[in-house]
């Protein structure tokens, strides 16, 4: 019998208690691991501006800015900073 294709409901970068704890502590490595970020993606701790820095050039780091900025906003909300 055929099976209906389903889209995955799980998000790749989940805001977990461990991620919030690492964010509050300022631990970049633990935060990177808790969010399952790739090595070329910037840390949410470094994305305090709405846009990437003027010195950054188009590339993987620059392209990931919007995703990581969104994660930072979610982390701030979860940590009670917003």
Protein backbone atom coordinates (compact mmCIF):
# COMPACT_ATOMS: atom_id res chain seq x y z
CA UNK A 1 0.00 0.00 0.00
CA UNK A 2 1.42 3.43 -0.89
CA UNK A 3 2.48 5.72 1.92
CA UNK A 4 1.69 9.43 1.86
CA UNK A 5 4.79 11.61 1.86
CA UNK A 6 4.95 13.78 4.96
CA UNK A 7 7.04 16.78 5.70
CA UNK A 8 9.20 16.71 8.78
CA UNK A 9 7.66 18.65 11.64
CA UNK A 10 10.83 18.97 13.67
CA UNK A 11 12.85 22.15 13.35
CA UNK A 12 16.55 21.76 12.95
CA UNK A 13 17.49 24.55 15.35
CA UNK A 14 15.38 24.08 18.46
CA UNK A 15 15.39 26.50 21.35
CA UNK A 16 16.05 24.08 24.20
CA UNK A 17 16.72 24.82 27.88
CA UNK A 18 20.39 23.99 27.19
CA UNK A 19 20.49 26.57 24.39
CA UNK A 20 18.93 29.24 26.61
CA UNK A 21 21.36 28.41 29.42
CA UNK A 22 24.35 28.69 27.06
CA UNK A 23 22.98 31.97 25.65
CA UNK A 24 22.59 33.51 29.10
CA UNK A 25 26.07 32.29 30.11
CA UNK A 26 27.61 33.64 26.89
CA UNK A 27 29.11 30.24 26.04
CA UNK A 28 29.50 30.32 22.24
CA UNK A 29 30.62 26.70 21.83
CA UNK A 30 27.83 25.23 23.96
CA UNK A 31 25.28 27.44 22.18
CA UNK A 32 26.58 26.38 18.76
CA UNK A 33 26.25 22.73 19.77
CA UNK A 34 22.83 23.12 21.41
CA UNK A 35 21.41 24.78 18.28
CA UNK A 36 23.18 22.36 15.91
CA UNK A 37 24.74 25.21 13.96
CA UNK A 38 27.31 24.59 11.28
CA UNK A 39 30.91 25.83 11.73
CA UNK A 40 30.48 28.62 9.16
CA UNK A 41 27.32 30.00 10.76
CA UNK A 42 27.79 32.98 13.07
CA UNK A 43 26.97 32.71 16.74
CA UNK A 44 23.65 34.19 17.89
CA UNK A 45 25.75 36.01 20.49
CA UNK A 46 27.42 37.97 17.67
CA UNK A 47 24.22 38.94 15.87
CA UNK A 48 23.10 41.92 17.91
CA UNK A 49 22.38 44.07 14.82
CA UNK A 50 19.53 43.67 12.36
CA UNK A 51 21.86 43.39 9.37
CA UNK A 52 25.27 41.78 8.83
CA UNK A 53 28.29 44.05 9.29
CA UNK A 54 29.28 46.20 6.34
CA UNK A 55 32.66 44.43 6.10
CA UNK A 56 31.11 40.99 5.49
CA UNK A 57 31.03 39.72 1.93
CA UNK A 58 28.37 37.52 0.36
CA UNK A 59 28.99 33.91 1.29
CA UNK A 60 27.83 31.22 3.73
CA UNK A 61 28.48 33.32 6.85
CA UNK A 62 26.67 36.32 5.38
CA UNK A 63 23.79 34.18 4.08
CA UNK A 64 23.19 32.59 7.50
CA UNK A 65 22.80 35.97 9.22
CA UNK A 66 18.98 36.13 8.95
CA UNK A 67 18.54 32.61 10.36
CA UNK A 68 20.89 33.22 13.27
CA UNK A 69 19.42 36.67 13.98
CA UNK A 70 15.98 35.03 14.25
CA UNK A 71 17.40 32.45 16.64
CA UNK A 72 18.85 35.24 18.79
CA UNK A 73 15.46 36.94 19.01
CA UNK A 74 13.86 33.64 20.06
CA UNK A 75 16.60 33.06 22.64
CA UNK A 76 16.14 36.56 24.08
CA UNK A 77 12.41 35.92 24.41
CA UNK A 78 13.00 32.52 26.05
CA UNK A 79 15.54 34.04 28.44
CA UNK A 80 13.10 36.80 29.42
CA UNK A 81 15.18 39.61 27.94
CA UNK A 82 12.44 40.81 25.57
